[in-house]
Amino acid sequence: MKFKTRIKEFRARYDLSQGDLAKKVGVRRETILYLEKGKYNPSLILAHQIAQTLKATIDELFIFENGKTQSEHE
């Protein structure tokens, strides 16, 4: 399952650099970079921390692409 993120878009709303966001959630800047490129799957805790920091929901920040919507899985 692939995913895209809107972290960069939300960071821009608050004028935060990758480094700023990384400090706020306790990770390295490279972690934010890899997240934004879709090359790193965050833990649920990290996803939650990023969402809280950016005043968004996890669903707003992370878009999962597997060909099916969540409702089709239920």
PDB file of N, CA and C in Angstrom:
ATOM      1  N   MET A   1       0.843  -1.177   0.000  1.00  0.00           N
ATOM      2  CA  MET A   1       0.000   0.000   0.000  1.00  0.00           C
ATOM      3  C   MET A   1       0.889   1.242   0.000  1.00  0.00           C
ATOM      4  N   LYS A   2       0.654   2.124  -0.940  1.00  0.00           N
ATOM      5  CA  LYS A   2       1.393   3.380  -1.015  1.00  0.00           C
ATOM      6  C   LYS A   2       0.591   4.481  -0.338  1.00  0.00           C
ATOM      7  N   PHE A   3       1.287   5.533   0.012  1.00  0.00           N
ATOM      8  CA  PHE A   3       0.580   6.676   0.541  1.00  0.00           C
ATOM      9  C   PHE A   3       1.258   7.963   0.121  1.00  0.00           C
ATOM     10  N   LYS A   4       0.479   9.005   0.077  1.00  0.00           N
ATOM     11  CA  LYS A   4       0.978  10.356  -0.172  1.00  0.00           C
ATOM     12  C   LYS A   4       0.728  11.153   1.095  1.00  0.00           C
ATOM     13  N   THR A   5       1.501  12.218   1.257  1.00  0.00           N
ATOM     14  CA  THR A   5       1.242  13.067   2.413  1.00  0.00           C
ATOM     15  C   THR A   5       1.011  14.503   1.979  1.00  0.00           C
ATOM     16  N   ARG A   6       0.331  15.217   2.838  1.00  0.00           N
ATOM     17  CA  ARG A   6       0.101  16.642   2.630  1.00  0.00           C
ATOM     18  C   ARG A   6       0.856  17.438   3.705  1.00  0.00           C
ATOM     19  N   ILE A   7       1.873  16.810   4.302  1.00  0.00           N
ATOM     20  CA  ILE A   7       2.626  17.456   5.370  1.00  0.00           C
ATOM     21  C   ILE A   7       3.231  18.769   4.886  1.00  0.00           C
ATOM     22  N   LYS A   8       3.841  18.762   3.723  1.00  0.00           N
ATOM     23  CA  LYS A   8       4.477  19.973   3.193  1.00  0.00           C
ATOM     24  C   LYS A   8       3.455  21.101   3.058  1.00  0.00           C
ATOM     25  N   GLU A   9       2.290  20.781   2.532  1.00  0.00           N
ATOM     26  CA  GLU A   9       1.217  21.771   2.362  1.00  0.00           C
ATOM     27  C   GLU A   9       0.799  22.351   3.725  1.00  0.00           C
ATOM     28  N   PHE A  10       0.617  21.484   4.709  1.00  0.00           N
ATOM     29  CA  PHE A  10       0.205  21.951   6.036  1.00  0.00           C
ATOM     30  C   PHE A  10       1.331  22.711   6.738  1.00  0.00           C
ATOM     31  N   ARG A  11       2.584  22.287   6.526  1.00  0.00           N
ATOM     32  CA  ARG A  11       3.716  23.022   7.104  1.00  0.00           C
ATOM     33  C   ARG A  11       3.727  24.457   6.600  1.00  0.00           C
ATOM     34  N   ALA A  12       3.453  24.614   5.311  1.00  0.00           N
ATOM     35  CA  ALA A  12       3.463  25.947   4.699  1.00  0.00           C
ATOM     36  C   ALA A  12       2.409  26.858   5.331  1.00  0.00           C
ATOM     37  N   ARG A  13       1.283  26.297   5.720  1.00  0.00           N
ATOM     38  CA  ARG A  13       0.233  27.095   6.363  1.00  0.00           C
ATOM     39  C   ARG A  13       0.731  27.767   7.639  1.00  0.00           C
ATOM     40  N   TYR A  14       1.645  27.092   8.329  1.00  0.00           N
ATOM     41  CA  TYR A  14       2.163  27.603   9.604  1.00  0.00           C
ATOM     42  C   TYR A  14       3.597  28.108   9.484  1.00  0.00           C
ATOM     43  N   ASP A  15       4.075  28.232   8.240  1.00  0.00           N
ATOM     44  CA  ASP A  15       5.411  28.735   7.966  1.00  0.00           C
ATOM     45  C   ASP A  15       6.471  27.959   8.752  1.00  0.00           C
ATOM     46  N   LEU A  16       6.348  26.630   8.739  1.00  0.00           N
ATOM     47  CA  LEU A  16       7.295  25.768   9.439  1.00  0.00           C
ATOM     48  C   LEU A  16       8.229  25.103   8.431  1.00  0.00           C
ATOM     49  N   SER A  17       9.502  25.094   8.749  1.00  0.00           N
ATOM     50  CA  SER A  17      10.457  24.338   7.929  1.00  0.00           C
ATOM     51  C   SER A  17      10.389  22.872   8.348  1.00  0.00           C
ATOM     52  N   GLN A  18      11.035  22.015   7.567  1.00  0.00           N
ATOM     53  CA  GLN A  18      11.114  20.605   7.956  1.00  0.00           C
ATOM     54  C   GLN A  18      11.795  20.485   9.321  1.00  0.00           C
ATOM     55  N   GLY A  19      12.830  21.277   9.528  1.00  0.00           N
ATOM     56  CA  GLY A  19      13.543  21.253  10.797  1.00  0.00           C
ATOM     57  C   GLY A  19      12.678  21.697  11.960  1.00  0.00           C
ATOM     58  N   ASP A  20      11.862  22.736  11.743  1.00  0.00           N
ATOM     59  CA  ASP A  20      10.957  23.221  12.794  1.00  0.00           C
ATOM     60  C   ASP A  20       9.979  22.131  13.207  1.00  0.00           C
ATOM     61  N   LEU A  21       9.367  21.490  12.209  1.00  0.00           N
ATOM     62  CA  LEU A  21       8.399  20.434  12.500  1.00  0.00           C
ATOM     63  C   LEU A  21       9.094  19.260  13.199  1.00  0.00           C
ATOM     64  N   ALA A  22      10.275  18.921  12.722  1.00  0.00           N
ATOM     65  CA  ALA A  22      11.018  17.810  13.321  1.00  0.00           C
ATOM     66  C   ALA A  22      11.280  18.060  14.804  1.00  0.00           C
ATOM     67  N   LYS A  23      11.691  19.271  15.144  1.00  0.00           N
ATOM     68  CA  LYS A  23      11.949  19.605  16.552  1.00  0.00           C
ATOM     69  C   LYS A  23      10.681  19.484  17.384  1.00  0.00           C
ATOM     70  N   LYS A  24       9.565  19.932  16.834  1.00  0.00           N
ATOM     71  CA  LYS A  24       8.306  19.915  17.580  1.00  0.00           C
ATOM     72  C   LYS A  24       7.823  18.492  17.878  1.00  0.00           C
ATOM     73  N   VAL A  25       8.132  17.554  16.981  1.00  0.00           N
ATOM     74  CA  VAL A  25       7.658  16.181  17.185  1.00  0.00           C
ATOM     75  C   VAL A  25       8.766  15.230  17.627  1.00  0.00           C
ATOM     76  N   GLY A  26       9.989  15.735  17.783  1.00  0.00           N
ATOM     77  CA  GLY A  26      11.073  14.935  18.336  1.00  0.00           C
ATOM     78  C   GLY A  26      11.730  13.946  17.397  1.00  0.00           C
ATOM     79  N   VAL A  27      11.839  14.329  16.114  1.00  0.00           N
ATOM     80  CA  VAL A  27      12.535  13.472  15.149  1.00  0.00           C
ATOM     81  C   VAL A  27      13.567  14.304  14.397  1.00  0.00           C
ATOM     82  N   ARG A  28      14.338  13.653  13.551  1.00  0.00           N
ATOM     83  CA  ARG A  28      15.317  14.371  12.732  1.00  0.00           C
ATOM     84  C   ARG A  28      14.632  14.967  11.501  1.00  0.00           C
ATOM     85  N   ARG A  29      15.231  16.010  10.952  1.00  0.00           N
ATOM     86  CA  ARG A  29      14.689  16.661   9.768  1.00  0.00           C
ATOM     87  C   ARG A  29      14.544  15.670   8.621  1.00  0.00           C
ATOM     88  N   GLU A  30      15.490  14.753   8.512  1.00  0.00           N
ATOM     89  CA  GLU A  30      15.451  13.753   7.436  1.00  0.00           C
ATOM     90  C   GLU A  30      14.198  12.888   7.519  1.00  0.00           C
ATOM     91  N   THR A  31      13.726  12.636   8.725  1.00  0.00           N
ATOM     92  CA  THR A  31      12.505  11.849   8.889  1.00  0.00           C
ATOM     93  C   THR A  31      11.330  12.564   8.231  1.00  0.00           C
ATOM     94  N   ILE A  32      11.232  13.871   8.453  1.00  0.00           N
ATOM     95  CA  ILE A  32      10.156  14.661   7.828  1.00  0.00           C
ATOM     96  C   ILE A  32      10.323  14.650   6.316  1.00  0.00           C
ATOM     97  N   LEU A  33      11.549  14.787   5.847  1.00  0.00           N
ATOM     98  CA  LEU A  33      11.824  14.743   4.409  1.00  0.00           C
ATOM     99  C   LEU A  33      11.342  13.424   3.806  1.00  0.00           C
ATOM    100  N   TYR A  34      11.700  12.298   4.436  1.00  0.00           N
ATOM    101  CA  TYR A  34      11.295  10.985   3.920  1.00  0.00           C
ATOM    102  C   TYR A  34       9.782  10.795   3.999  1.00  0.00           C
ATOM    103  N   LEU A  35       9.165  11.320   5.042  1.00  0.00           N
ATOM    104  CA  LEU A  35       7.707  11.247   5.137  1.00  0.00           C
ATOM    105  C   LEU A  35       7.062  11.997   3.974  1.00  0.00           C
ATOM    106  N   GLU A  36       7.551  13.201   3.716  1.00  0.00           N
ATOM    107  CA  GLU A  36       6.966  14.015   2.649  1.00  0.00           C
ATOM    108  C   GLU A  36       7.130  13.370   1.282  1.00  0.00           C
ATOM    109  N   LYS A  37       8.187  12.612   1.106  1.00  0.00           N
ATOM    110  CA  LYS A  37       8.419  11.918  -0.169  1.00  0.00           C
ATOM    111  C   LYS A  37       7.713  10.566  -0.239  1.00  0.00           C
ATOM    112  N   GLY A  38       7.065  10.162   0.862  1.00  0.00           N
ATOM    113  CA  GLY A  38       6.375   8.875   0.880  1.00  0.00           C
ATOM    114  C   GLY A  38       7.321   7.693   0.985  1.00  0.00           C
ATOM    115  N   LYS A  39       8.538   7.934   1.480  1.00  0.00           N
ATOM    116  CA  LYS A  39       9.533   6.870   1.570  1.00  0.00           C
ATOM    117  C   LYS A  39       9.667   6.312   2.980  1.00  0.00           C
ATOM    118  N   TYR A  40       8.840   6.773   3.877  1.00  0.00           N
ATOM    119  CA  TYR A  40       8.923   6.329   5.273  1.00  0.00           C
ATOM    120  C   TYR A  40       7.520   6.213   5.825  1.00  0.00           C
ATOM    121  N   ASN A  41       7.212   5.069   6.420  1.00  0.00           N
ATOM    122  CA  ASN A  41       5.907   4.871   7.059  1.00  0.00           C
ATOM    123  C   ASN A  41       6.031   5.236   8.533  1.00  0.00           C
ATOM    124  N   PRO A  42       5.320   6.267   8.960  1.00  0.00           N
ATOM    125  CA  PRO A  42       5.434   6.682  10.355  1.00  0.00           C
ATOM    126  C   PRO A  42       4.685   5.733  11.289  1.00  0.00           C
ATOM    127  N   SER A  43       5.118   5.718  12.531  1.00  0.00           N
ATOM    128  CA  SER A  43       4.351   4.994  13.545  1.00  0.00           C
ATOM    129  C   SER A  43       3.049   5.760  13.755  1.00  0.00           C
ATOM    130  N   LEU A  44       2.090   5.111  14.349  1.00  0.00           N
ATOM    131  CA  LEU A  44       0.824   5.781  14.644  1.00  0.00           C
ATOM    132  C   LEU A  44       1.057   6.958  15.587  1.00  0.00           C
ATOM    133  N   ILE A  45       1.963   6.781  16.538  1.00  0.00           N
ATOM    134  CA  ILE A  45       2.262   7.858  17.488  1.00  0.00           C
ATOM    135  C   ILE A  45       2.848   9.064  16.765  1.00  0.00           C
ATOM    136  N   LEU A  46       3.812   8.838  15.868  1.00  0.00           N
ATOM    137  CA  LEU A  46       4.412   9.947  15.127  1.00  0.00           C
ATOM    138  C   LEU A  46       3.381  10.621  14.226  1.00  0.00           C
ATOM    139  N   ALA A  47       2.565   9.843  13.542  1.00  0.00           N
ATOM    140  CA  ALA A  47       1.522  10.411  12.688  1.00  0.00           C
ATOM    141  C   ALA A  47       0.589  11.291  13.515  1.00  0.00           C
ATOM    142  N   HIS A  48       0.233  10.823  14.700  1.00  0.00           N
ATOM    143  CA  HIS A  48      -0.641  11.585  15.595  1.00  0.00           C
ATOM    144  C   HIS A  48       0.032  12.886  16.044  1.00  0.00           C
ATOM    145  N   GLN A  49       1.307  12.812  16.409  1.00  0.00           N
ATOM    146  CA  GLN A  49       2.035  14.005  16.851  1.00  0.00           C
ATOM    147  C   GLN A  49       2.128  15.043  15.742  1.00  0.00           C
ATOM    148  N   ILE A  50       2.405  14.585  14.532  1.00  0.00           N
ATOM    149  CA  ILE A  50       2.484  15.505  13.394  1.00  0.00           C
ATOM    150  C   ILE A  50       1.127  16.132  13.141  1.00  0.00           C
ATOM    151  N   ALA A  51       0.076  15.320  13.158  1.00  0.00           N
ATOM    152  CA  ALA A  51      -1.277  15.834  12.936  1.00  0.00           C
ATOM    153  C   ALA A  51      -1.640  16.874  13.995  1.00  0.00           C
ATOM    154  N   GLN A  52      -1.348  16.592  15.252  1.00  0.00           N
ATOM    155  CA  GLN A  52      -1.645  17.556  16.315  1.00  0.00           C
ATOM    156  C   GLN A  52      -0.885  18.859  16.104  1.00  0.00           C
ATOM    157  N   THR A  53       0.395  18.749  15.787  1.00  0.00           N
ATOM    158  CA  THR A  53       1.233  19.931  15.585  1.00  0.00           C
ATOM    159  C   THR A  53       0.720  20.780  14.434  1.00  0.00           C
ATOM    160  N   LEU A  54       0.234  20.128  13.379  1.00  0.00           N
ATOM    161  CA  LEU A  54      -0.240  20.849  12.194  1.00  0.00           C
ATOM    162  C   LEU A  54      -1.748  21.116  12.234  1.00  0.00           C
ATOM    163  N   LYS A  55      -2.363  20.838  13.397  1.00  0.00           N
ATOM    164  CA  LYS A  55      -3.802  21.075  13.587  1.00  0.00           C
ATOM    165  C   LYS A  55      -4.624  20.437  12.470  1.00  0.00           C
ATOM    166  N   ALA A  56      -4.336  19.164  12.244  1.00  0.00           N
ATOM    167  CA  ALA A  56      -5.019  18.410  11.191  1.00  0.00           C
ATOM    168  C   ALA A  56      -5.326  17.014  11.728  1.00  0.00           C
ATOM    169  N   THR A  57      -6.068  16.263  10.959  1.00  0.00           N
ATOM    170  CA  THR A  57      -6.299  14.869  11.310  1.00  0.00           C
ATOM    171  C   THR A  57      -5.303  14.012  10.538  1.00  0.00           C
ATOM    172  N   ILE A  58      -5.105  12.796  11.001  1.00  0.00           N
ATOM    173  CA  ILE A  58      -4.220  11.871  10.295  1.00  0.00           C
ATOM    174  C   ILE A  58      -4.748  11.651   8.880  1.00  0.00           C
ATOM    175  N   ASP A  59      -6.061  11.523   8.739  1.00  0.00           N
ATOM    176  CA  ASP A  59      -6.658  11.312   7.412  1.00  0.00           C
ATOM    177  C   ASP A  59      -6.435  12.489   6.474  1.00  0.00           C
ATOM    178  N   GLU A  60      -6.346  13.691   7.015  1.00  0.00           N
ATOM    179  CA  GLU A  60      -6.063  14.858   6.172  1.00  0.00           C
ATOM    180  C   GLU A  60      -4.618  14.865   5.694  1.00  0.00           C
ATOM    181  N   LEU A  61      -3.712  14.358   6.506  1.00  0.00           N
ATOM    182  CA  LEU A  61      -2.281  14.406   6.186  1.00  0.00           C
ATOM    183  C   LEU A  61      -1.786  13.239   5.358  1.00  0.00           C
ATOM    184  N   PHE A  62      -2.375  12.057   5.566  1.00  0.00           N
ATOM    185  CA  PHE A  62      -1.891  10.852   4.906  1.00  0.00           C
ATOM    186  C   PHE A  62      -2.987  10.266   4.030  1.00  0.00           C
ATOM    187  N   ILE A  63      -2.709  10.180   2.728  1.00  0.00           N
ATOM    188  CA  ILE A  63      -3.672   9.644   1.772  1.00  0.00           C
ATOM    189  C   ILE A  63      -3.144   8.293   1.296  1.00  0.00           C
ATOM    190  N   PHE A  64      -3.873   7.236   1.656  1.00  0.00           N
ATOM    191  CA  PHE A  64      -3.447   5.888   1.303  1.00  0.00           C
ATOM    192  C   PHE A  64      -3.996   5.501  -0.054  1.00  0.00           C
ATOM    193  N   GLU A  65      -3.135   4.879  -0.868  1.00  0.00           N
ATOM    194  CA  GLU A  65      -3.515   4.502  -2.227  1.00  0.00           C
ATOM    195  C   GLU A  65      -3.370   3.002  -2.405  1.00  0.00           C
ATOM    196  N   ASN A  66      -4.499   2.317  -2.379  1.00  0.00           N
ATOM    197  CA  ASN A  66      -4.458   0.884  -2.631  1.00  0.00           C
ATOM    198  C   ASN A  66      -5.536   0.478  -3.620  1.00  0.00           C
ATOM    199  N   GLY A  67      -6.159   1.471  -4.236  1.00  0.00           N
ATOM    200  CA  GLY A  67      -7.174   1.176  -5.225  1.00  0.00           C
ATOM    201  C   GLY A  67      -8.575   1.034  -4.652  1.00  0.00           C
ATOM    202  N   LYS A  68      -8.683   1.003  -3.327  1.00  0.00           N
ATOM    203  CA  LYS A  68      -9.994   0.873  -2.693  1.00  0.00           C
ATOM    204  C   LYS A  68     -10.151   1.951  -1.632  1.00  0.00           C
ATOM    205  N   THR A  69     -11.363   2.398  -1.437  1.00  0.00           N
ATOM    206  CA  THR A  69     -11.610   3.356  -0.372  1.00  0.00           C
ATOM    207  C   THR A  69     -11.785   2.615   0.933  1.00  0.00           C
ATOM    208  N   GLN A  70     -11.700   3.312   2.036  1.00  0.00           N
ATOM    209  CA  GLN A  70     -11.841   2.689   3.345  1.00  0.00           C
ATOM    210  C   GLN A  70     -13.209   2.003   3.477  1.00  0.00           C
ATOM    211  N   SER A  71     -14.268   2.607   2.965  1.00  0.00           N
ATOM    212  CA  SER A  71     -15.597   2.033   3.113  1.00  0.00           C
ATOM    213  C   SER A  71     -15.746   0.709   2.368  1.00  0.00           C
ATOM    214  N   GLU A  72     -14.947   0.494   1.327  1.00  0.00           N
ATOM    215  CA  GLU A  72     -15.006  -0.766   0.581  1.00  0.00           C
ATOM    216  C   GLU A  72     -14.391  -1.913   1.350  1.00  0.00           C
ATOM    217  N   HIS A  73     -13.580  -1.598   2.374  1.00  0.00           N
ATOM    218  CA  HIS A  73     -12.955  -2.637   3.193  1.00  0.00           C
ATOM    219  C   HIS A  73     -13.886  -3.127   4.292  1.00  0.00           C
ATOM    220  N   GLU A  74     -14.902  -2.386   4.605  1.00  0.00           N
ATOM    221  CA  GLU A  74     -15.776  -2.718   5.749  1.00  0.00           C
ATOM    222  C   GLU A  74     -16.896  -3.652   5.360  1.00  0.00           C
TER     223      GLU A  74
END
